[in-house]
Protein backbone atom coordinates (compact mmCIF):
# COMPACT_ATOMS: atom_id res chain seq x y z
CA UNK A 1 15.06 18.17 14.24
CA UNK A 2 11.30 18.10 14.82
CA UNK A 3 9.28 16.26 12.17
CA UNK A 4 5.50 16.33 12.06
CA UNK A 5 3.65 13.37 10.53
CA UNK A 6 0.03 13.84 9.48
CA UNK A 7 -1.65 10.62 10.67
CA UNK A 8 -5.25 11.86 10.87
CA UNK A 9 -6.48 9.52 8.14
CA UNK A 10 -5.84 6.46 10.31
CA UNK A 11 -8.93 7.24 12.37
CA UNK A 12 -11.19 7.26 9.28
CA UNK A 13 -9.72 4.61 6.97
CA UNK A 14 -7.65 1.91 8.70
CA UNK A 15 -6.26 0.50 5.44
CA UNK A 16 -3.96 1.40 2.55
CA UNK A 17 -2.34 4.75 3.28
CA UNK A 18 -3.12 4.38 6.97
CA UNK A 19 -1.25 1.07 7.12
CA UNK A 20 1.69 2.69 5.36
CA UNK A 21 1.75 5.53 7.89
CA UNK A 22 1.43 3.28 10.93
CA UNK A 23 4.08 0.80 9.75
CA UNK A 24 6.48 3.68 9.10
CA UNK A 25 5.89 5.17 12.56
CA UNK A 26 6.42 1.82 14.24
CA UNK A 27 9.64 1.31 12.28
CA UNK A 28 10.86 4.75 13.43
CA UNK A 29 10.34 3.63 17.00
CA UNK A 30 12.32 0.45 16.46
CA UNK A 31 15.19 2.45 14.96
CA UNK A 32 15.11 4.95 17.81
CA UNK A 33 15.50 2.10 20.32
CA UNK A 34 18.54 0.74 18.49
CA UNK A 35 21.38 3.26 18.40
CA UNK A 36 23.44 1.14 16.01
CA UNK A 37 20.63 0.82 13.44
CA UNK A 38 20.52 4.43 12.32
CA UNK A 39 22.61 7.11 13.95
CA UNK A 40 20.25 9.95 13.05
CA UNK A 41 17.19 8.39 14.73
CA UNK A 42 18.13 9.79 18.15
CA UNK A 43 18.38 13.30 16.67
CA UNK A 44 14.80 13.36 15.39
CA UNK A 45 11.69 13.99 17.46
CA UNK A 46 8.32 13.22 15.93
CA UNK A 47 5.02 14.98 16.45
CA UNK A 48 2.33 12.51 15.41
CA UNK A 49 -0.73 14.52 14.39
CA UNK A 50 -3.85 12.48 15.11
CA UNK A 51 -7.54 13.12 14.65
CA UNK A 52 -9.23 14.62 17.70
CA UNK A 53 -11.46 11.53 18.09
CA UNK A 54 -8.50 9.16 17.97
CA UNK A 55 -7.84 8.85 21.69
CA UNK A 56 -5.12 6.20 21.71
CA UNK A 57 -1.57 7.26 20.76
CA UNK A 58 -0.47 5.46 17.61
CA UNK A 59 3.05 4.83 18.91
CA UNK A 60 4.56 5.04 22.36
CA UNK A 61 8.19 5.42 23.24
CA UNK A 62 11.17 7.75 22.88
CA UNK A 63 11.18 10.58 20.35
CA UNK A 64 7.45 10.35 19.58
CA UNK A 65 4.74 12.65 20.92
CA UNK A 66 1.07 12.71 20.05
CA UNK A 67 -0.55 16.00 18.97
CA UNK A 68 -4.23 16.59 18.24
CA UNK A 69 -5.60 18.28 15.13
CA UNK A 70 -9.20 19.33 14.60
CA UNK A 71 -9.04 19.98 10.85
CA UNK A 72 -11.34 17.61 8.94
CA UNK A 73 -9.81 15.15 6.48
CA UNK A 74 -10.48 15.38 2.72
CA UNK A 75 -12.83 18.36 2.92
CA UNK A 76 -12.88 21.84 1.43
CA UNK A 77 -12.19 23.33 4.87
CA UNK A 78 -8.94 21.45 5.30
CA UNK A 79 -6.76 23.87 3.34
CA UNK A 80 -7.98 26.77 5.47
CA UNK A 81 -7.86 25.25 8.95
CA UNK A 82 -4.88 22.91 8.74
CA UNK A 83 -2.20 25.57 8.04
CA UNK A 84 -3.57 27.64 10.93
CA UNK A 85 -3.36 24.72 13.35
CA UNK A 86 0.13 23.76 12.23
CA UNK A 87 1.38 27.32 12.74
CA UNK A 88 1.32 26.70 16.50
CA UNK A 89 4.00 24.00 16.19
CA UNK A 90 7.70 24.66 15.62
CA UNK A 91 8.29 22.05 12.92
CA UNK A 92 11.42 21.67 10.85
CA UNK A 93 9.52 19.45 8.41
CA UNK A 94 6.05 18.06 7.80
CA UNK A 95 5.49 14.65 6.20
CA UNK A 96 2.10 14.18 4.53
CA UNK A 97 1.62 10.48 3.66
CA UNK A 98 -1.81 11.19 2.15
CA UNK A 99 -0.75 12.94 -1.08
CA UNK A 100 -1.91 16.50 -0.38
CA UNK A 101 -0.02 18.81 2.04
CA UNK A 102 -1.23 22.14 3.40
CA UNK A 103 -0.68 24.29 0.34
CA UNK A 104 -0.32 27.66 2.09
CA UNK A 105 1.81 26.91 5.15
CA UNK A 106 5.46 27.84 5.64
CA UNK A 107 6.91 24.48 6.75
CA UNK A 108 8.87 22.47 4.19
CA UNK A 109 6.92 19.33 3.34
CA UNK A 110 7.63 15.84 2.10
CA UNK A 111 4.69 14.05 0.51
CA UNK A 112 4.09 10.42 -0.38
CA UNK A 113 2.29 9.83 -3.67
CA UNK A 114 1.15 6.22 -3.57
CA UNK A 115 -0.30 6.05 -7.08
CA UNK A 116 -2.00 8.14 -9.74
CA UNK A 117 -5.11 5.99 -10.09
CA UNK A 118 -7.31 9.06 -9.74
CA UNK A 119 -5.81 10.43 -12.97
CA UNK A 120 -6.15 7.17 -14.89
CA UNK A 121 -9.67 6.43 -13.59
CA UNK A 122 -11.21 9.89 -12.98
CA UNK A 123 -14.73 8.76 -13.90
CA UNK A 124 -14.80 6.54 -10.81
CA UNK A 125 -14.12 9.37 -8.34
CA UNK A 126 -16.76 10.77 -6.05
CA UNK A 127 -17.23 14.54 -6.11
CA UNK A 128 -15.34 14.95 -2.82
CA UNK A 129 -12.49 12.70 -3.94
CA UNK A 130 -12.17 14.58 -7.22
CA UNK A 131 -11.92 17.87 -5.33
CA UNK A 132 -9.28 16.49 -2.96
CA UNK A 133 -7.06 14.74 -5.52
CA UNK A 134 -7.56 17.59 -7.99
CA UNK A 135 -5.00 19.48 -5.88
CA UNK A 136 -2.23 17.05 -6.85
CA UNK A 137 -0.52 19.40 -9.31
CA UNK A 138 -0.14 22.09 -6.64
CA UNK A 139 0.87 19.44 -4.09
CA UNK A 140 3.69 18.25 -6.31
CA UNK A 141 4.90 21.82 -6.84
CA UNK A 142 4.66 22.60 -3.12
CA UNK A 143 6.63 19.56 -1.93
CA UNK A 144 10.31 19.82 -1.08
CA UNK A 145 10.59 16.13 -1.94
CA UNK A 146 8.26 13.37 -3.11
CA UNK A 147 8.32 9.74 -2.01
CA UNK A 148 6.78 7.05 -4.22
CA UNK A 149 6.53 3.29 -3.58
CA UNK A 150 7.77 1.99 -6.95
CA UNK A 151 9.76 2.83 -10.06
CA UNK A 152 6.51 2.48 -11.99
CA UNK A 153 4.84 5.22 -9.95
CA UNK A 154 7.92 7.42 -10.24
CA UNK A 155 7.83 7.15 -14.04
CA UNK A 156 4.09 7.85 -13.96
CA UNK A 157 4.57 10.95 -11.79
CA UNK A 158 7.39 12.34 -13.93
CA UNK A 159 5.42 11.63 -17.10
CA UNK A 160 2.26 13.30 -15.82
CA UNK A 161 3.78 16.38 -14.16
CA UNK A 162 7.30 16.77 -15.52
CA UNK A 163 8.79 16.51 -12.03
CA UNK A 164 12.61 16.44 -12.04
CA UNK A 165 13.98 12.97 -11.41
CA UNK A 166 16.02 14.25 -8.47
CA UNK A 167 12.86 15.43 -6.67
CA UNK A 168 11.39 11.93 -6.44
CA UNK A 169 12.68 8.98 -4.39
CA UNK A 170 11.48 5.40 -4.63
CA UNK A 171 11.08 3.87 -1.18
CA UNK A 172 9.54 0.42 -1.24
CA UNK A 173 6.88 -0.61 1.21
CA UNK A 174 6.90 -3.98 2.97
CA UNK A 175 4.60 -6.58 4.42
CA UNK A 176 3.41 -6.32 7.99
CA UNK A 177 6.14 -8.08 10.05
CA UNK A 178 3.36 -10.17 11.60
CA UNK A 179 2.72 -11.86 8.27
CA UNK A 180 4.77 -15.05 8.39
CA UNK A 181 4.04 -18.71 7.57
CA UNK A 182 1.91 -20.83 9.91
CA UNK A 183 0.76 -24.47 9.77
CA UNK A 184 -2.09 -24.05 7.27
CA UNK A 185 -4.53 -26.83 8.21
CA UNK A 186 -5.43 -25.62 11.74
CA UNK A 187 -5.77 -22.10 10.35
CA UNK A 188 -8.15 -23.28 7.63
CA UNK A 189 -10.34 -25.09 10.12
CA UNK A 190 -10.47 -22.02 12.35
CA UNK A 191 -11.40 -19.70 9.47
CA UNK A 192 -14.02 -22.11 8.15
CA UNK A 193 -15.78 -22.10 11.50
CA UNK A 194 -15.50 -18.35 12.02
CA UNK A 195 -16.48 -17.13 8.53
CA UNK A 196 -18.34 -20.15 7.11
CA UNK A 197 -15.95 -20.43 4.17
CA UNK A 198 -14.57 -23.60 2.56
CA UNK A 199 -11.21 -24.91 3.75
CA UNK A 200 -9.92 -24.76 0.16
CA UNK A 201 -10.20 -21.30 -1.34
CA UNK A 202 -8.67 -18.71 -3.66
CA UNK A 203 -8.20 -15.30 -2.03
CA UNK A 204 -8.53 -11.70 -3.12
CA UNK A 205 -7.60 -8.87 -0.75
CA UNK A 206 -8.43 -5.23 -1.48
CA UNK A 207 -11.18 -2.68 -1.82
CA UNK A 208 -13.99 -3.70 -4.16
CA UNK A 209 -13.73 -1.03 -6.84
CA UNK A 210 -13.31 -1.05 -10.64
CA UNK A 211 -9.53 -0.74 -10.88
CA UNK A 212 -9.08 -3.81 -8.65
CA UNK A 213 -10.76 -5.90 -11.36
CA UNK A 214 -12.83 -8.01 -8.98
CA UNK A 215 -15.40 -8.41 -11.75
CA UNK A 216 -12.72 -9.90 -14.01
CA UNK A 217 -11.64 -12.26 -11.23
CA UNK A 218 -15.22 -13.46 -10.77
CA UNK A 219 -15.57 -14.09 -14.51
CA UNK A 220 -12.30 -16.03 -14.42
CA UNK A 221 -13.52 -18.03 -11.42
CA UNK A 222 -16.76 -18.91 -13.22
CA UNK A 223 -14.66 -20.09 -16.19
CA UNK A 224 -12.50 -22.16 -13.81
CA UNK A 225 -15.58 -23.93 -12.48
CA UNK A 226 -17.15 -24.52 -15.89
CA UNK A 227 -14.20 -25.46 -18.11
CA UNK A 228 -11.99 -27.29 -15.65
CA UNK A 229 -14.67 -28.94 -13.54
CA UNK A 230 -13.35 -27.47 -10.29
CA UNK A 231 -16.04 -27.83 -7.66
CA UNK A 232 -14.25 -27.91 -4.31
CA UNK A 233 -12.63 -24.43 -4.31
CA UNK A 234 -14.31 -21.26 -3.10
CA UNK A 235 -13.41 -17.64 -3.77
CA UNK A 236 -12.93 -15.41 -0.72
CA UNK A 237 -12.92 -11.61 -1.02
CA UNK A 238 -11.54 -9.66 1.96
CA UNK A 239 -11.80 -5.89 1.74
CA UNK A 240 -14.04 -2.88 2.06
CA UNK A 241 -16.77 -1.87 -0.35
CA UNK A 242 -15.66 0.96 -2.65
CA UNK A 243 -17.42 2.79 -5.44
CA UNK A 244 -19.50 0.74 -7.92
CA UNK A 245 -19.20 -2.41 -5.80
CA UNK A 246 -22.85 -3.16 -6.61
CA UNK A 247 -21.79 -4.07 -10.17
CA UNK A 248 -19.62 -6.83 -8.73
CA UNK A 249 -22.55 -8.12 -6.68
CA UNK A 250 -24.70 -8.14 -9.81
CA UNK A 251 -22.14 -10.31 -11.63
CA UNK A 252 -22.11 -12.76 -8.73
CA UNK A 253 -25.88 -13.13 -9.03
CA UNK A 254 -25.77 -13.31 -12.83
CA UNK A 255 -23.29 -16.19 -12.67
CA UNK A 256 -25.17 -17.89 -9.82
CA UNK A 257 -22.14 -17.78 -7.51
CA UNK A 258 -23.84 -16.58 -4.32
CA UNK A 259 -22.79 -19.74 -2.48
CA UNK A 260 -19.29 -19.91 -3.96
CA UNK A 261 -18.01 -16.32 -3.57
CA UNK A 262 -17.65 -15.19 0.03
CA UNK A 263 -17.42 -11.46 0.86
CA UNK A 264 -15.93 -10.90 4.30
CA UNK A 265 -15.59 -7.11 4.26
CA UNK A 266 -12.64 -5.60 6.13
CA UNK A 267 -11.03 -7.98 8.59
CA UNK A 268 -8.52 -7.50 11.40
CA UNK A 269 -4.82 -7.81 10.65
CA UNK A 270 -4.73 -11.03 12.63
CA UNK A 271 -7.52 -12.59 10.56
CA UNK A 272 -6.01 -11.24 7.35
CA UNK A 273 -2.75 -12.97 8.24
CA UNK A 274 -4.61 -16.26 8.69
CA UNK A 275 -6.56 -15.77 5.45
CA UNK A 276 -3.28 -15.42 3.57
CA UNK A 277 -1.84 -18.52 5.25
CA UNK A 278 -4.94 -20.61 4.57
CA UNK A 279 -5.41 -19.61 0.92
CA UNK A 280 -4.36 -22.00 -1.83
CA UNK A 281 -3.32 -18.92 -3.79
CA UNK A 282 -3.87 -15.16 -3.93
CA UNK A 283 -5.09 -13.50 -7.12
CA UNK A 284 -4.44 -9.78 -7.58
CA UNK A 285 -5.29 -9.02 -11.20
CA UNK A 286 -5.74 -5.27 -10.75
CA UNK A 287 -5.73 -2.92 -13.73
CA UNK A 288 -3.39 -0.53 -11.93
CA UNK A 289 -1.38 -0.40 -8.69
CA UNK A 290 1.12 2.08 -7.31
CA UNK A 291 2.73 -0.74 -5.34
CA UNK A 292 0.40 -3.66 -4.60
CA UNK A 293 0.82 -4.69 -0.98
CA UNK A 294 -1.47 -7.79 -0.85
CA UNK A 295 0.76 -9.88 -3.19
CA UNK A 296 3.80 -9.07 -1.06
CA UNK A 297 1.89 -9.89 2.13
CA UNK A 298 0.73 -13.20 0.66
CA UNK A 299 4.26 -14.13 -0.40
CA UNK A 300 5.53 -13.32 3.10
CA UNK A 301 3.04 -15.91 4.38
CA UNK A 302 4.22 -18.53 1.88
CA UNK A 303 1.14 -18.27 -0.35
CA UNK A 304 1.66 -18.52 -4.14
CA UNK A 305 0.41 -15.47 -5.98
CA UNK A 306 -1.04 -14.45 -9.35
CA UNK A 307 -0.74 -10.78 -10.35
CA UNK A 308 -1.35 -8.51 -13.32
CA UNK A 309 1.46 -7.89 -15.77
CA UNK A 310 0.92 -4.11 -15.60
CA UNK A 311 2.06 -1.05 -13.60
CA UNK A 312 4.09 -1.80 -10.46
CA UNK A 313 3.08 -5.42 -9.86
CA UNK A 314 5.81 -7.16 -11.90
CA UNK A 315 8.34 -4.89 -10.17
CA UNK A 316 7.13 -6.02 -6.75
CA UNK A 317 6.90 -9.78 -7.30
CA UNK A 318 9.96 -10.33 -9.52
CA UNK A 319 10.03 -13.98 -10.62
CA UNK A 320 8.06 -15.17 -7.59
CA UNK A 321 4.52 -15.07 -9.04
CA UNK A 322 2.52 -15.86 -12.15
CA UNK A 323 1.78 -12.87 -14.37
CA UNK A 324 -1.49 -12.49 -16.28
CA UNK A 325 -3.21 -9.99 -18.53
CA UNK A 326 -5.86 -8.38 -16.29
CA UNK A 327 -8.20 -8.01 -19.27
CA UNK A 328 -8.02 -11.71 -20.17
CA UNK A 329 -10.17 -13.63 -17.69
CA UNK A 330 -9.44 -16.94 -19.47
CA UNK A 331 -5.74 -16.41 -18.83
CA UNK A 332 -6.49 -15.69 -15.15
CA UNK A 333 -8.49 -18.94 -14.99
CA UNK A 334 -5.61 -20.91 -16.52
CA UNK A 335 -3.20 -19.50 -13.94
CA UNK A 336 -5.54 -20.45 -11.07
CA UNK A 337 -5.93 -23.96 -12.50
CA UNK A 338 -2.15 -24.36 -12.72
CA UNK A 339 -1.70 -23.54 -9.06
CA UNK A 340 -4.57 -25.84 -8.09
CA UNK A 341 -3.20 -28.83 -9.98
CA UNK A 342 0.58 -28.44 -10.31
CA UNK A 343 2.06 -29.24 -6.90
CA UNK A 344 5.63 -28.64 -8.06
CA UNK A 345 4.80 -25.15 -9.35
CA UNK A 346 2.90 -24.40 -6.15
CA UNK A 347 5.90 -25.43 -4.02
CA UNK A 348 8.34 -23.50 -6.24
CA UNK A 349 6.38 -20.25 -5.99
CA UNK A 350 5.99 -20.69 -2.25
CA UNK A 351 9.78 -20.78 -1.82
CA UNK A 352 10.40 -17.96 -4.30
CA UNK A 353 7.71 -15.81 -2.69
CA UNK A 354 9.16 -16.17 0.79
CA UNK A 355 12.59 -15.22 -0.55
CA UNK A 356 11.22 -12.27 -2.49
CA UNK A 357 9.30 -10.88 0.49
CA UNK A 358 12.55 -10.76 2.47
CA UNK A 359 13.88 -8.13 0.02
CA UNK A 360 11.49 -5.58 1.53
CA UNK A 361 11.42 -4.28 5.11
CA UNK A 362 9.81 -1.39 6.97
CA UNK A 363 13.05 -0.68 8.82
CA UNK A 364 14.83 -0.14 5.53
CA UNK A 365 11.95 2.07 4.37
CA UNK A 366 12.18 4.07 7.61
CA UNK A 367 15.93 4.54 7.25
CA UNK A 368 15.56 5.83 3.70
CA UNK A 369 12.69 8.14 4.68
CA UNK A 370 14.70 9.57 7.58
CA UNK A 371 17.52 10.27 5.14
CA UNK A 372 15.08 12.25 2.97
CA UNK A 373 14.00 14.29 6.00
CA UNK A 374 17.61 15.12 6.80
CA UNK A 375 18.39 16.16 3.24
CA UNK A 376 15.36 18.45 3.05
CA UNK A 377 16.04 20.07 6.43
CA UNK A 378 19.74 20.55 5.66
CA UNK A 379 18.83 22.22 2.37
CA UNK A 380 16.27 24.48 4.07
CA UNK A 381 18.75 25.54 6.73
CA UNK A 382 21.35 26.43 4.11
CA UNK A 383 18.79 28.59 2.32
CA UNK A 384 17.82 30.31 5.57
CA UNK A 385 21.39 31.45 6.26
CA UNK A 386 21.64 33.04 2.85
CA UNK A 387 23.57 30.35 1.04
CA UNK A 388 22.99 29.82 -2.64
CA UNK A 389 19.92 27.65 -3.14
CA UNK A 390 21.19 24.12 -3.64
CA UNK A 391 19.91 21.69 -6.22
CA UNK A 392 17.36 19.40 -4.67
CA UNK A 393 19.13 16.33 -3.44
CA UNK A 394 19.26 13.30 -5.65
CA UNK A 395 17.59 10.02 -4.85
CA UNK A 396 19.32 8.28 -1.95
CA UNK A 397 21.28 5.21 -2.82
CA UNK A 398 19.36 2.11 -1.80
CA UNK A 399 19.44 -1.56 -2.58
CA UNK A 400 16.85 -2.17 -5.26
CA UNK A 401 14.98 -5.48 -4.97
CA UNK A 402 16.50 -7.63 -7.68
CA UNK A 403 14.86 -7.35 -11.08
CA UNK A 404 14.52 -11.00 -11.93
CA UNK A 405 12.67 -12.50 -14.86
CA UNK A 406 8.97 -12.74 -14.22
CA UNK A 407 6.94 -15.93 -14.61
CA UNK A 408 4.24 -15.97 -17.22
CA UNK A 409 1.03 -17.84 -16.59
């Protein structure tokens, strides 16, 4: 079986969907090297479609071959040029991790729908983004199977588009395997020297855009300083600048926090790992998430975490984090104060977070995704030999991370 994976986005945006794609490809390689891990891995060859300017192969090893595509990403031309380019490859299946597949090609496709934020927050889309994600209804109809990262996103997708339950599989993402605990004090000293940040800090990781609620976090941080007299804790923001980020900067100036809130922009995975380790806690009070990888990454590093009580976030963290109302910045401030002052709670959430993070792995995600590929290809082959069209295969059985009681702030 020859599976194509569209990895062009990695050249343009090395975060989010790109991390998902790269982690999945690397996990495929690990499975292919271990014959006892997944028997089908040796029967699948991957064509990794990369952007023409992306010179370095994303993965090296058995069963993976790089191929170059010239079609631009997220443009109006893409739907005309991409099917033409793909027609030169004999693929049994194409996996499109970036929502939208080629809508007029003949290969069966699997798509990953990471979230439906663009439907819930359409007024924050650029014109180009609106045109690209506006194809989602046709993408869902075109797909032979749809992968989503959470039960929350599955329910959202079915509710929005009426997709049959059997056409959608939940496959959980995982933290980068690199993200593990380290001795925190040397890390804090190193980061303080490199980025000029305090050694005691609260961390946010993600793109600065409205749905991430960075403005609410800053309001909560100002309240923490004023009401609780906290003076020795900074706020560090690691992530790219998205749409309407200037409103966040305006709030920082309004609250006179220019010397307390530190914007680092995008950082390397190695520095991100150390930022997680060094943080006193991570706050991820987003209004909406399809999965929410930063809380899981922080927990994998042993860092206590505060998350919103909405969308997929309670599903991801289980009982291993404090839950807050993202619209209530006083509640967010209370949760931060608890983790700054309650050593027992801090230690408890550290242990619970480490345990929770172990419920997720990229190798398990890769195994489940490979099973989807096999089901789709088997069904296509049966149709091609004139057999009666089968019902689309049901969601593969997988161990669901335990649904434990969540911890209220």
